[in-house]
Structure formats: structure tokens, C-alpha cells
């Protein structure tokens, strides 16, 4: 379910499973045990969970709300430069429909943040320590695809890195402009 769409007031177990990243059977067990409150459809075994009960359950169990409350697109920024992460984060936070869920200095830290925050989109640099951005993009697209936007000084229009990033699965490539405050222009 896309977090930018209007959320329904009542959800099926399948919809709850997608939101919580679990199997539908797990949601049924939560429901049957009384941990997750809802109701059964009369004359059916189907269950329905009111959105407010799902939010209560997720908060109680420390589960990330994945934009359920705000409806904003959740963004994770991956760049080895703390200055770039700050400038890009500040620029993105000016938009009400975007929520910056965090910043990671390298792909290994990003992997943990992806599991914790479940972003809707990831911005990433190409030059990073421990694993380059194109290798990270390729691994993410193979195992757990999340829309990615490359923001890098190596990806000027038509560059080999730009073409390769788009071939692997990036949805856009943005070159970092020159200068110390140029990322704010992005």
C-alpha cells in the first residue's frame, strides 16, 4: 500500500500484513489472540481491523508507522558526507508531503535503517565507503526493491554512472551541483 494514498478507515488482514511486513496468518493470530482488536464480517471468517486499532497496536509494539499518520512519502538519505545529508534533509523537509526518516553514511548503516524505518524512497550517492552506491543499488533491487534516486557528483547528464544507475533500477539521477551549498539547490 502506498503511504501517499488516502488510508482506509478499516483494513483487511492482507492489508495489515503488507503494512506490518508480516504474513497474513500472523495478523490472524494477533487478531485471534486479542492483541489486535477488530471484528469479523457476519456470516464469514473474514476479519477487519479499524485503522485506529492498527495504529494503537503498532505503537504499543514499537512498530514503525510507515507514514500511516502523516501520509507523507518516507525518505532515507544515504551519503557519506554529513554536510550533504544535512543540506539535502533540510531541503526535503520543506515539503509537507515528504518525511525524512534518517540519514546513513554508508550502505551497511543504510541497510539497518531500511529495516527499521521502511522508507518509500532512498536517495544515495555513488562514492561511499565500504560499498559503492551502484553495488548497493544493485543489491537492493535484487533483494528488496525500493525506489532510488541517485544524487552524486559522478552522475552528470549522460555519464556512464548515470546510465548504469538507471539500467540497474534508479528512478532518477540528479547531479550534485558544484560548491559547498549547492546541494540545497537540488
N, C-alpha and C. Protein backbone atom coordinates (compact mmCIF):
# COMPACT_ATOMS: atom_id res chain seq x y z
N UNK A 1 0.86 -1.18 0.00
CA UNK A 1 0.00 0.00 0.00
C UNK A 1 0.90 1.23 0.00
N UNK A 2 0.67 2.13 -0.89
CA UNK A 2 1.47 3.34 -0.99
C UNK A 2 1.08 4.29 0.12
N UNK A 3 2.08 4.78 0.85
CA UNK A 3 1.78 5.62 2.00
C UNK A 3 1.28 7.01 1.61
N UNK A 4 1.39 7.36 0.32
CA UNK A 4 0.93 8.67 -0.09
C UNK A 4 -0.54 8.66 -0.49
N UNK A 5 -1.16 7.49 -0.54
CA UNK A 5 -2.57 7.43 -0.88
C UNK A 5 -3.40 7.57 0.39
N UNK A 6 -4.67 7.93 0.23
CA UNK A 6 -5.59 8.07 1.37
C UNK A 6 -5.79 6.71 2.00
N UNK A 7 -5.54 6.62 3.29
CA UNK A 7 -5.66 5.37 4.02
C UNK A 7 -7.14 5.11 4.34
N UNK A 8 -7.56 3.85 4.17
CA UNK A 8 -8.92 3.46 4.50
C UNK A 8 -9.10 3.44 6.01
N UNK A 9 -10.35 3.54 6.47
CA UNK A 9 -10.65 3.51 7.90
C UNK A 9 -10.65 2.09 8.46
N UNK A 10 -10.92 1.10 7.61
CA UNK A 10 -10.98 -0.30 8.03
C UNK A 10 -10.16 -1.11 7.03
N UNK A 11 -9.33 -2.01 7.56
CA UNK A 11 -8.40 -2.76 6.71
C UNK A 11 -8.64 -4.26 6.81
N UNK A 12 -8.28 -4.98 5.74
CA UNK A 12 -8.33 -6.44 5.76
C UNK A 12 -7.05 -6.96 6.41
N UNK A 13 -7.02 -8.25 6.74
CA UNK A 13 -5.81 -8.83 7.32
C UNK A 13 -4.67 -8.78 6.31
N UNK A 14 -4.96 -8.92 5.03
CA UNK A 14 -3.94 -8.83 4.00
C UNK A 14 -3.32 -7.44 3.92
N UNK A 15 -4.15 -6.41 4.03
CA UNK A 15 -3.64 -5.04 4.01
C UNK A 15 -2.79 -4.75 5.24
N UNK A 16 -3.24 -5.24 6.40
CA UNK A 16 -2.47 -5.06 7.64
C UNK A 16 -1.14 -5.80 7.52
N UNK A 17 -1.16 -6.99 6.93
CA UNK A 17 0.07 -7.77 6.75
C UNK A 17 1.09 -7.00 5.91
N UNK A 18 0.64 -6.37 4.83
CA UNK A 18 1.55 -5.59 3.99
C UNK A 18 2.12 -4.40 4.76
N UNK A 19 1.28 -3.71 5.50
CA UNK A 19 1.72 -2.54 6.27
C UNK A 19 2.76 -2.95 7.31
N UNK A 20 2.54 -4.08 7.97
CA UNK A 20 3.42 -4.54 9.05
C UNK A 20 4.56 -5.44 8.57
N UNK A 21 4.58 -5.75 7.28
CA UNK A 21 5.62 -6.62 6.69
C UNK A 21 5.64 -7.99 7.36
N UNK A 22 4.46 -8.58 7.50
CA UNK A 22 4.33 -9.93 8.06
C UNK A 22 3.37 -10.72 7.17
N UNK A 23 3.26 -12.00 7.43
CA UNK A 23 2.33 -12.85 6.69
C UNK A 23 0.89 -12.60 7.18
N UNK A 24 -0.10 -12.74 6.30
CA UNK A 24 -1.49 -12.57 6.73
C UNK A 24 -1.87 -13.49 7.89
N UNK A 25 -1.28 -14.68 7.94
CA UNK A 25 -1.57 -15.61 9.03
C UNK A 25 -1.13 -15.03 10.38
N UNK A 26 -0.03 -14.28 10.37
CA UNK A 26 0.44 -13.64 11.60
C UNK A 26 -0.58 -12.63 12.10
N UNK A 27 -1.15 -11.86 11.17
CA UNK A 27 -2.18 -10.88 11.55
C UNK A 27 -3.40 -11.61 12.13
N UNK A 28 -3.78 -12.72 11.52
CA UNK A 28 -4.91 -13.51 12.03
C UNK A 28 -4.64 -14.00 13.45
N UNK A 29 -3.39 -14.40 13.71
CA UNK A 29 -3.04 -14.85 15.06
C UNK A 29 -3.12 -13.69 16.05
N UNK A 30 -2.63 -12.51 15.65
CA UNK A 30 -2.75 -11.33 16.52
C UNK A 30 -4.21 -11.06 16.84
N UNK A 31 -5.06 -11.14 15.82
CA UNK A 31 -6.50 -10.88 15.97
C UNK A 31 -7.12 -11.93 16.89
N UNK A 32 -6.86 -13.22 16.61
CA UNK A 32 -7.47 -14.31 17.37
C UNK A 32 -7.04 -14.31 18.84
N UNK A 33 -5.80 -13.83 19.11
CA UNK A 33 -5.32 -13.80 20.49
C UNK A 33 -5.84 -12.58 21.25
N UNK A 34 -6.46 -11.63 20.53
CA UNK A 34 -6.97 -10.42 21.17
C UNK A 34 -5.95 -9.29 21.23
N UNK A 35 -4.74 -9.53 20.73
CA UNK A 35 -3.71 -8.48 20.74
C UNK A 35 -4.06 -7.35 19.78
N UNK A 36 -4.68 -7.70 18.66
CA UNK A 36 -5.11 -6.72 17.66
C UNK A 36 -6.63 -6.74 17.61
N UNK A 37 -7.24 -5.61 17.91
CA UNK A 37 -8.70 -5.53 18.01
C UNK A 37 -9.32 -5.24 16.65
N UNK A 38 -10.43 -5.92 16.40
CA UNK A 38 -11.18 -5.72 15.16
C UNK A 38 -12.49 -6.46 15.25
N UNK A 39 -13.03 -6.85 14.10
CA UNK A 39 -14.28 -7.60 14.10
C UNK A 39 -14.32 -8.54 12.90
N UNK A 40 -15.21 -9.52 12.99
CA UNK A 40 -15.42 -10.46 11.88
C UNK A 40 -16.61 -9.99 11.05
N UNK A 41 -16.53 -10.24 9.77
CA UNK A 41 -17.66 -9.96 8.87
C UNK A 41 -18.75 -11.00 9.18
N UNK A 42 -19.98 -10.57 9.46
CA UNK A 42 -21.06 -11.53 9.77
C UNK A 42 -21.23 -12.57 8.67
N UNK A 43 -21.33 -13.84 9.07
CA UNK A 43 -21.52 -14.93 8.12
C UNK A 43 -20.23 -15.31 7.38
N UNK A 44 -19.10 -14.82 7.85
CA UNK A 44 -17.83 -15.07 7.18
C UNK A 44 -16.73 -15.22 8.23
N UNK A 45 -15.62 -15.80 7.82
CA UNK A 45 -14.46 -15.88 8.71
C UNK A 45 -13.54 -14.68 8.52
N UNK A 46 -13.86 -13.82 7.58
CA UNK A 46 -13.01 -12.66 7.29
C UNK A 46 -12.97 -11.70 8.46
N UNK A 47 -11.80 -11.14 8.67
CA UNK A 47 -11.58 -10.19 9.76
C UNK A 47 -11.37 -8.80 9.20
N UNK A 48 -11.73 -7.79 9.97
CA UNK A 48 -11.49 -6.40 9.60
C UNK A 48 -10.89 -5.69 10.81
N UNK A 49 -9.89 -4.84 10.52
CA UNK A 49 -9.19 -4.13 11.59
C UNK A 49 -9.34 -2.64 11.36
N UNK A 50 -9.99 -1.92 12.30
CA UNK A 50 -10.08 -0.46 12.17
C UNK A 50 -8.68 0.16 12.21
N UNK A 51 -8.46 1.18 11.41
CA UNK A 51 -7.16 1.83 11.32
C UNK A 51 -6.67 2.32 12.68
N UNK A 52 -7.58 2.89 13.48
CA UNK A 52 -7.14 3.40 14.78
C UNK A 52 -6.64 2.27 15.68
N UNK A 53 -7.21 1.07 15.56
CA UNK A 53 -6.75 -0.08 16.35
C UNK A 53 -5.39 -0.57 15.86
N UNK A 54 -5.18 -0.52 14.54
CA UNK A 54 -3.88 -0.90 13.99
C UNK A 54 -2.80 0.05 14.48
N UNK A 55 -3.07 1.34 14.46
CA UNK A 55 -2.10 2.33 14.93
C UNK A 55 -1.79 2.12 16.41
N UNK A 56 -2.82 1.88 17.23
CA UNK A 56 -2.62 1.60 18.65
C UNK A 56 -1.73 0.38 18.82
N UNK A 57 -2.01 -0.70 18.09
CA UNK A 57 -1.24 -1.93 18.17
C UNK A 57 0.22 -1.69 17.76
N UNK A 58 0.42 -0.98 16.65
CA UNK A 58 1.78 -0.73 16.16
C UNK A 58 2.58 0.11 17.15
N UNK A 59 1.96 1.14 17.72
CA UNK A 59 2.65 1.97 18.71
C UNK A 59 3.00 1.15 19.95
N UNK A 60 2.04 0.35 20.43
CA UNK A 60 2.25 -0.46 21.62
C UNK A 60 3.42 -1.44 21.45
N UNK A 61 3.60 -1.95 20.23
CA UNK A 61 4.65 -2.94 19.97
C UNK A 61 5.89 -2.32 19.34
N UNK A 62 5.96 -0.98 19.31
CA UNK A 62 7.15 -0.30 18.80
C UNK A 62 7.40 -0.50 17.32
N UNK A 63 6.35 -0.72 16.56
CA UNK A 63 6.49 -0.93 15.12
C UNK A 63 6.47 0.42 14.41
N UNK A 64 7.30 0.59 13.37
CA UNK A 64 7.27 1.86 12.63
C UNK A 64 5.93 2.05 11.94
N UNK A 65 5.44 3.27 11.96
CA UNK A 65 4.12 3.55 11.39
C UNK A 65 4.13 3.75 9.88
N UNK A 66 5.31 3.76 9.26
CA UNK A 66 5.43 3.81 7.80
C UNK A 66 4.59 4.89 7.15
N UNK A 67 4.51 6.06 7.74
CA UNK A 67 3.76 7.14 7.12
C UNK A 67 2.26 7.05 7.32
N UNK A 68 1.78 6.09 8.11
CA UNK A 68 0.33 5.95 8.33
C UNK A 68 -0.27 7.23 8.91
N UNK A 69 0.47 7.87 9.81
CA UNK A 69 -0.07 9.04 10.48
C UNK A 69 -0.03 10.29 9.59
N UNK A 70 1.05 10.43 8.81
CA UNK A 70 1.24 11.65 8.06
C UNK A 70 0.81 11.54 6.62
N UNK A 71 0.83 10.34 6.06
CA UNK A 71 0.55 10.18 4.64
C UNK A 71 1.71 10.67 3.79
N UNK A 72 2.83 11.01 4.41
CA UNK A 72 3.98 11.53 3.69
C UNK A 72 4.82 10.40 3.10
N UNK A 73 5.54 10.72 2.03
CA UNK A 73 6.49 9.79 1.45
C UNK A 73 7.74 9.80 2.32
N UNK A 74 8.13 8.63 2.79
CA UNK A 74 9.25 8.50 3.72
C UNK A 74 10.55 8.36 2.94
N UNK A 75 11.52 9.22 3.26
CA UNK A 75 12.78 9.29 2.51
C UNK A 75 13.96 8.98 3.43
N UNK A 76 14.86 8.11 2.97
CA UNK A 76 16.12 7.84 3.65
C UNK A 76 17.23 8.40 2.78
N UNK A 77 18.12 9.18 3.38
CA UNK A 77 19.23 9.80 2.66
C UNK A 77 20.50 9.00 2.97
N UNK A 78 21.18 8.52 1.91
CA UNK A 78 22.41 7.76 2.08
C UNK A 78 23.54 8.51 1.36
N UNK A 79 24.45 9.07 2.14
CA UNK A 79 25.59 9.82 1.60
C UNK A 79 26.66 9.84 2.67
N UNK A 80 27.91 9.66 2.26
CA UNK A 80 28.99 9.63 3.27
C UNK A 80 29.30 11.00 3.83
N UNK A 81 28.82 12.06 3.21
CA UNK A 81 29.06 13.41 3.71
C UNK A 81 27.94 13.85 4.65
N UNK A 82 28.30 14.12 5.90
CA UNK A 82 27.31 14.61 6.88
C UNK A 82 26.72 15.94 6.43
N UNK A 83 27.54 16.77 5.79
CA UNK A 83 27.06 18.06 5.30
C UNK A 83 25.99 17.87 4.22
N UNK A 84 26.25 16.97 3.30
CA UNK A 84 25.27 16.70 2.23
C UNK A 84 23.99 16.12 2.83
N UNK A 85 24.12 15.18 3.77
CA UNK A 85 22.92 14.61 4.40
C UNK A 85 22.09 15.70 5.07
N UNK A 86 22.76 16.63 5.75
CA UNK A 86 22.05 17.72 6.43
C UNK A 86 21.39 18.65 5.43
N UNK A 87 22.14 19.09 4.41
CA UNK A 87 21.59 20.03 3.43
C UNK A 87 20.43 19.42 2.65
N UNK A 88 20.61 18.18 2.21
CA UNK A 88 19.55 17.52 1.45
C UNK A 88 18.34 17.27 2.35
N UNK A 89 18.57 16.85 3.58
CA UNK A 89 17.47 16.64 4.53
C UNK A 89 16.71 17.92 4.79
N UNK A 90 17.43 19.02 5.01
CA UNK A 90 16.77 20.32 5.24
C UNK A 90 15.93 20.73 4.04
N UNK A 91 16.47 20.51 2.83
CA UNK A 91 15.73 20.86 1.62
C UNK A 91 14.46 20.01 1.48
N UNK A 92 14.56 18.72 1.77
CA UNK A 92 13.40 17.83 1.64
C UNK A 92 12.34 18.11 2.70
N UNK A 93 12.78 18.48 3.90
CA UNK A 93 11.83 18.75 5.00
C UNK A 93 10.95 19.97 4.73
N UNK A 94 11.30 20.78 3.78
CA UNK A 94 10.48 21.95 3.43
C UNK A 94 9.20 21.54 2.71
N UNK A 95 9.12 20.29 2.29
CA UNK A 95 7.95 19.79 1.57
C UNK A 95 7.07 18.99 2.52
N UNK A 96 5.82 19.39 2.67
CA UNK A 96 4.90 18.74 3.61
C UNK A 96 4.63 17.28 3.26
N UNK A 97 4.77 16.92 1.99
CA UNK A 97 4.46 15.56 1.57
C UNK A 97 5.66 14.62 1.65
N UNK A 98 6.78 15.11 2.22
CA UNK A 98 7.98 14.29 2.41
C UNK A 98 8.35 14.23 3.88
N UNK A 99 8.77 13.05 4.33
CA UNK A 99 9.23 12.86 5.70
C UNK A 99 10.61 12.21 5.63
N UNK A 100 11.63 12.90 6.07
CA UNK A 100 12.98 12.34 6.11
C UNK A 100 13.07 11.48 7.36
N UNK A 101 13.24 10.16 7.15
CA UNK A 101 13.25 9.23 8.28
C UNK A 101 14.65 8.99 8.82
N UNK A 102 15.67 9.47 8.10
CA UNK A 102 17.02 9.32 8.61
C UNK A 102 18.06 9.52 7.54
N UNK A 103 19.31 9.47 7.99
CA UNK A 103 20.45 9.60 7.10
C UNK A 103 21.49 8.57 7.47
N UNK A 104 22.11 7.96 6.48
CA UNK A 104 23.11 6.93 6.71
C UNK A 104 24.39 7.29 5.96
N UNK A 105 25.54 7.03 6.58
CA UNK A 105 26.82 7.37 6.00
C UNK A 105 27.34 6.33 5.01
N UNK A 106 26.80 5.12 5.06
CA UNK A 106 27.23 4.08 4.13
C UNK A 106 26.12 3.04 3.97
N UNK A 107 26.24 2.17 2.97
CA UNK A 107 25.18 1.18 2.70
C UNK A 107 24.90 0.21 3.85
N UNK A 108 25.90 -0.09 4.68
CA UNK A 108 25.66 -1.02 5.77
C UNK A 108 24.79 -0.40 6.86
N UNK A 109 25.04 0.86 7.17
CA UNK A 109 24.18 1.58 8.11
C UNK A 109 22.79 1.75 7.48
N UNK A 110 22.78 2.05 6.17
CA UNK A 110 21.50 2.22 5.46
C UNK A 110 20.65 0.96 5.53
N UNK A 111 21.27 -0.20 5.40
CA UNK A 111 20.51 -1.45 5.45
C UNK A 111 19.75 -1.57 6.77
N UNK A 112 20.41 -1.26 7.87
CA UNK A 112 19.74 -1.33 9.18
C UNK A 112 18.61 -0.29 9.27
N UNK A 113 18.85 0.90 8.72
CA UNK A 113 17.82 1.94 8.77
C UNK A 113 16.63 1.58 7.88
N UNK A 114 16.89 0.90 6.77
CA UNK A 114 15.81 0.45 5.89
C UNK A 114 14.92 -0.53 6.64
N UNK A 115 15.53 -1.47 7.35
CA UNK A 115 14.75 -2.43 8.12
C UNK A 115 13.95 -1.76 9.23
N UNK A 116 14.54 -0.76 9.86
CA UNK A 116 13.89 -0.08 10.98
C UNK A 116 12.80 0.89 10.51
N UNK A 117 13.08 1.70 9.48
CA UNK A 117 12.19 2.79 9.11
C UNK A 117 11.32 2.52 7.89
N UNK A 118 11.64 1.51 7.10
CA UNK A 118 10.87 1.15 5.92
C UNK A 118 10.56 2.37 5.03
N UNK A 119 11.60 2.99 4.48
CA UNK A 119 11.37 4.18 3.65
C UNK A 119 10.66 3.84 2.35
N UNK A 120 9.98 4.83 1.79
CA UNK A 120 9.32 4.67 0.50
C UNK A 120 10.29 4.93 -0.65
N UNK A 121 11.30 5.75 -0.39
CA UNK A 121 12.31 6.09 -1.41
C UNK A 121 13.64 6.35 -0.71
N UNK A 122 14.73 6.07 -1.44
CA UNK A 122 16.07 6.28 -0.89
C UNK A 122 16.85 7.16 -1.85
N UNK A 123 17.49 8.22 -1.32
CA UNK A 123 18.46 8.95 -2.11
C UNK A 123 19.82 8.38 -1.74
N UNK A 124 20.69 8.26 -2.74
CA UNK A 124 22.01 7.70 -2.43
C UNK A 124 23.07 8.28 -3.34
N UNK A 125 24.26 8.39 -2.78
CA UNK A 125 25.43 8.82 -3.51
C UNK A 125 26.04 7.60 -4.20
N UNK A 126 26.97 7.81 -5.10
CA UNK A 126 27.67 6.69 -5.72
C UNK A 126 28.97 6.40 -4.99
N UNK A 127 29.73 7.44 -4.68
CA UNK A 127 31.01 7.26 -3.98
C UNK A 127 30.76 7.23 -2.47
N UNK A 128 30.90 6.03 -1.88
CA UNK A 128 30.72 5.88 -0.44
C UNK A 128 31.71 4.85 0.08
N UNK A 129 32.04 4.92 1.36
CA UNK A 129 32.96 3.91 1.93
C UNK A 129 32.26 2.56 2.07
N UNK A 130 33.06 1.51 2.09
CA UNK A 130 32.63 0.13 2.34
C UNK A 130 31.89 -0.51 1.19
N UNK A 131 31.07 0.22 0.43
CA UNK A 131 30.39 -0.31 -0.75
C UNK A 131 29.94 0.89 -1.59
N UNK A 132 30.22 0.84 -2.88
CA UNK A 132 29.81 1.97 -3.72
C UNK A 132 28.30 1.96 -3.95
N UNK A 133 27.76 3.11 -4.31
CA UNK A 133 26.32 3.27 -4.46
C UNK A 133 25.69 2.42 -5.53
N UNK A 134 26.42 2.16 -6.63
CA UNK A 134 25.86 1.32 -7.69
C UNK A 134 25.75 -0.14 -7.24
N UNK A 135 26.74 -0.64 -6.51
CA UNK A 135 26.66 -2.01 -5.98
C UNK A 135 25.52 -2.12 -4.98
N UNK A 136 25.38 -1.09 -4.13
CA UNK A 136 24.30 -1.06 -3.15
C UNK A 136 22.95 -1.05 -3.85
N UNK A 137 22.82 -0.23 -4.89
CA UNK A 137 21.57 -0.16 -5.66
C UNK A 137 21.24 -1.52 -6.26
N UNK A 138 22.24 -2.17 -6.85
CA UNK A 138 22.02 -3.47 -7.49
C UNK A 138 21.54 -4.50 -6.46
N UNK A 139 22.19 -4.54 -5.28
CA UNK A 139 21.79 -5.50 -4.24
C UNK A 139 20.36 -5.21 -3.76
N UNK A 140 20.03 -3.93 -3.54
CA UNK A 140 18.68 -3.58 -3.07
C UNK A 140 17.64 -3.97 -4.10
N UNK A 141 17.91 -3.74 -5.36
CA UNK A 141 16.94 -4.04 -6.41
C UNK A 141 16.74 -5.55 -6.56
N UNK A 142 17.79 -6.33 -6.32
CA UNK A 142 17.68 -7.79 -6.42
C UNK A 142 16.92 -8.38 -5.24
N UNK A 143 17.15 -7.86 -4.05
CA UNK A 143 16.61 -8.50 -2.84
C UNK A 143 15.41 -7.79 -2.22
N UNK A 144 15.34 -6.49 -2.31
CA UNK A 144 14.26 -5.73 -1.70
C UNK A 144 14.16 -4.38 -2.40
N UNK A 145 13.51 -4.36 -3.57
CA UNK A 145 13.50 -3.11 -4.34
C UNK A 145 12.75 -1.98 -3.65
N UNK A 146 13.42 -0.87 -3.55
CA UNK A 146 12.85 0.37 -3.03
C UNK A 146 13.23 1.45 -4.02
N UNK A 147 12.29 2.28 -4.45
CA UNK A 147 12.64 3.34 -5.40
C UNK A 147 13.86 4.13 -4.92
N UNK A 148 14.78 4.37 -5.86
CA UNK A 148 16.03 5.04 -5.52
C UNK A 148 16.28 6.22 -6.44
N UNK A 149 16.79 7.29 -5.86
CA UNK A 149 17.22 8.46 -6.62
C UNK A 149 18.71 8.64 -6.32
N UNK A 150 19.52 8.64 -7.36
CA UNK A 150 20.95 8.84 -7.21
C UNK A 150 21.23 10.33 -7.18
N UNK A 151 21.94 10.77 -6.16
CA UNK A 151 22.37 12.18 -6.04
C UNK A 151 23.88 12.14 -5.88
N UNK A 152 24.60 12.47 -6.97
CA UNK A 152 26.05 12.29 -6.94
C UNK A 152 26.75 13.25 -7.89
N UNK A 153 27.98 13.60 -7.55
CA UNK A 153 28.79 14.43 -8.44
C UNK A 153 29.29 13.62 -9.63
N UNK A 154 29.20 12.28 -9.56
CA UNK A 154 29.64 11.42 -10.67
C UNK A 154 28.54 11.19 -11.70
N UNK A 155 27.36 11.72 -11.48
CA UNK A 155 26.23 11.40 -12.36
C UNK A 155 25.74 12.61 -13.14
N UNK A 156 26.65 13.36 -13.69
CA UNK A 156 26.23 14.46 -14.55
C UNK A 156 25.52 13.87 -15.76
N UNK A 157 24.67 14.64 -16.40
CA UNK A 157 23.83 14.19 -17.51
C UNK A 157 24.61 13.38 -18.54
N UNK A 158 24.15 12.18 -18.82
CA UNK A 158 24.73 11.34 -19.86
C UNK A 158 25.97 10.57 -19.44
N UNK A 159 26.42 10.68 -18.20
CA UNK A 159 27.63 9.97 -17.77
C UNK A 159 27.37 8.47 -17.72
N UNK A 160 28.45 7.70 -17.78
CA UNK A 160 28.34 6.24 -17.71
C UNK A 160 27.68 5.82 -16.40
N UNK A 161 28.02 6.51 -15.30
CA UNK A 161 27.43 6.18 -13.99
C UNK A 161 25.92 6.42 -14.01
N UNK A 162 25.48 7.49 -14.65
CA UNK A 162 24.04 7.79 -14.74
C UNK A 162 23.31 6.69 -15.51
N UNK A 163 23.85 6.34 -16.65
CA UNK A 163 23.23 5.31 -17.49
C UNK A 163 23.17 3.98 -16.74
N UNK A 164 24.26 3.63 -16.07
CA UNK A 164 24.29 2.37 -15.32
C UNK A 164 23.29 2.39 -14.16
N UNK A 165 23.19 3.50 -13.44
CA UNK A 165 22.23 3.60 -12.33
C UNK A 165 20.81 3.41 -12.82
N UNK A 166 20.47 4.03 -13.92
CA UNK A 166 19.12 3.89 -14.48
C UNK A 166 18.88 2.47 -14.98
N UNK A 167 19.91 1.84 -15.56
CA UNK A 167 19.79 0.46 -16.05
C UNK A 167 19.53 -0.48 -14.87
N UNK A 168 20.21 -0.26 -13.75
CA UNK A 168 20.06 -1.12 -12.58
C UNK A 168 18.68 -0.94 -11.93
N UNK A 169 18.11 0.27 -12.00
CA UNK A 169 16.79 0.44 -11.42
C UNK A 169 16.51 1.76 -10.74
N UNK A 170 17.46 2.70 -10.75
CA UNK A 170 17.19 4.02 -10.17
C UNK A 170 16.04 4.68 -10.94
N UNK A 171 15.18 5.40 -10.22
CA UNK A 171 14.08 6.08 -10.89
C UNK A 171 14.48 7.45 -11.40
N UNK A 172 15.59 8.00 -10.87
CA UNK A 172 16.10 9.28 -11.36
C UNK A 172 17.55 9.43 -10.93
N UNK A 173 18.25 10.28 -11.64
CA UNK A 173 19.65 10.57 -11.35
C UNK A 173 19.80 12.08 -11.34
N UNK A 174 20.32 12.60 -10.23
CA UNK A 174 20.50 14.04 -10.09
C UNK A 174 21.97 14.30 -9.79
N UNK A 175 22.59 15.16 -10.60
CA UNK A 175 23.97 15.51 -10.35
C UNK A 175 24.06 16.54 -9.25
N UNK A 176 25.05 16.37 -8.37
CA UNK A 176 25.28 17.39 -7.34
C UNK A 176 25.92 18.59 -8.02
N UNK A 177 25.32 19.76 -7.87
CA UNK A 177 25.97 20.95 -8.43
C UNK A 177 27.23 21.28 -7.64
N UNK A 178 28.08 22.12 -8.20
CA UNK A 178 29.33 22.46 -7.53
C UNK A 178 29.13 23.43 -6.39
N UNK A 179 30.12 23.50 -5.52
CA UNK A 179 30.09 24.47 -4.42
C UNK A 179 29.61 23.88 -3.12
N UNK A 180 30.00 24.45 -1.99
CA UNK A 180 29.69 23.89 -0.68
C UNK A 180 28.21 23.92 -0.31
N UNK A 181 27.43 24.84 -0.86
CA UNK A 181 26.00 24.89 -0.51
C UNK A 181 25.13 24.45 -1.68
N UNK A 182 25.73 23.83 -2.68
CA UNK A 182 25.00 23.50 -3.90
C UNK A 182 23.92 22.45 -3.71
N UNK A 183 24.08 21.54 -2.75
CA UNK A 183 23.07 20.50 -2.56
C UNK A 183 21.72 21.10 -2.20
N UNK A 184 21.72 22.24 -1.54
CA UNK A 184 20.44 22.89 -1.20
C UNK A 184 19.68 23.31 -2.46
N UNK A 185 20.40 23.46 -3.58
CA UNK A 185 19.76 23.80 -4.86
C UNK A 185 18.98 22.63 -5.42
N UNK A 186 19.37 21.41 -5.07
CA UNK A 186 18.70 20.20 -5.56
C UNK A 186 17.31 20.17 -5.02
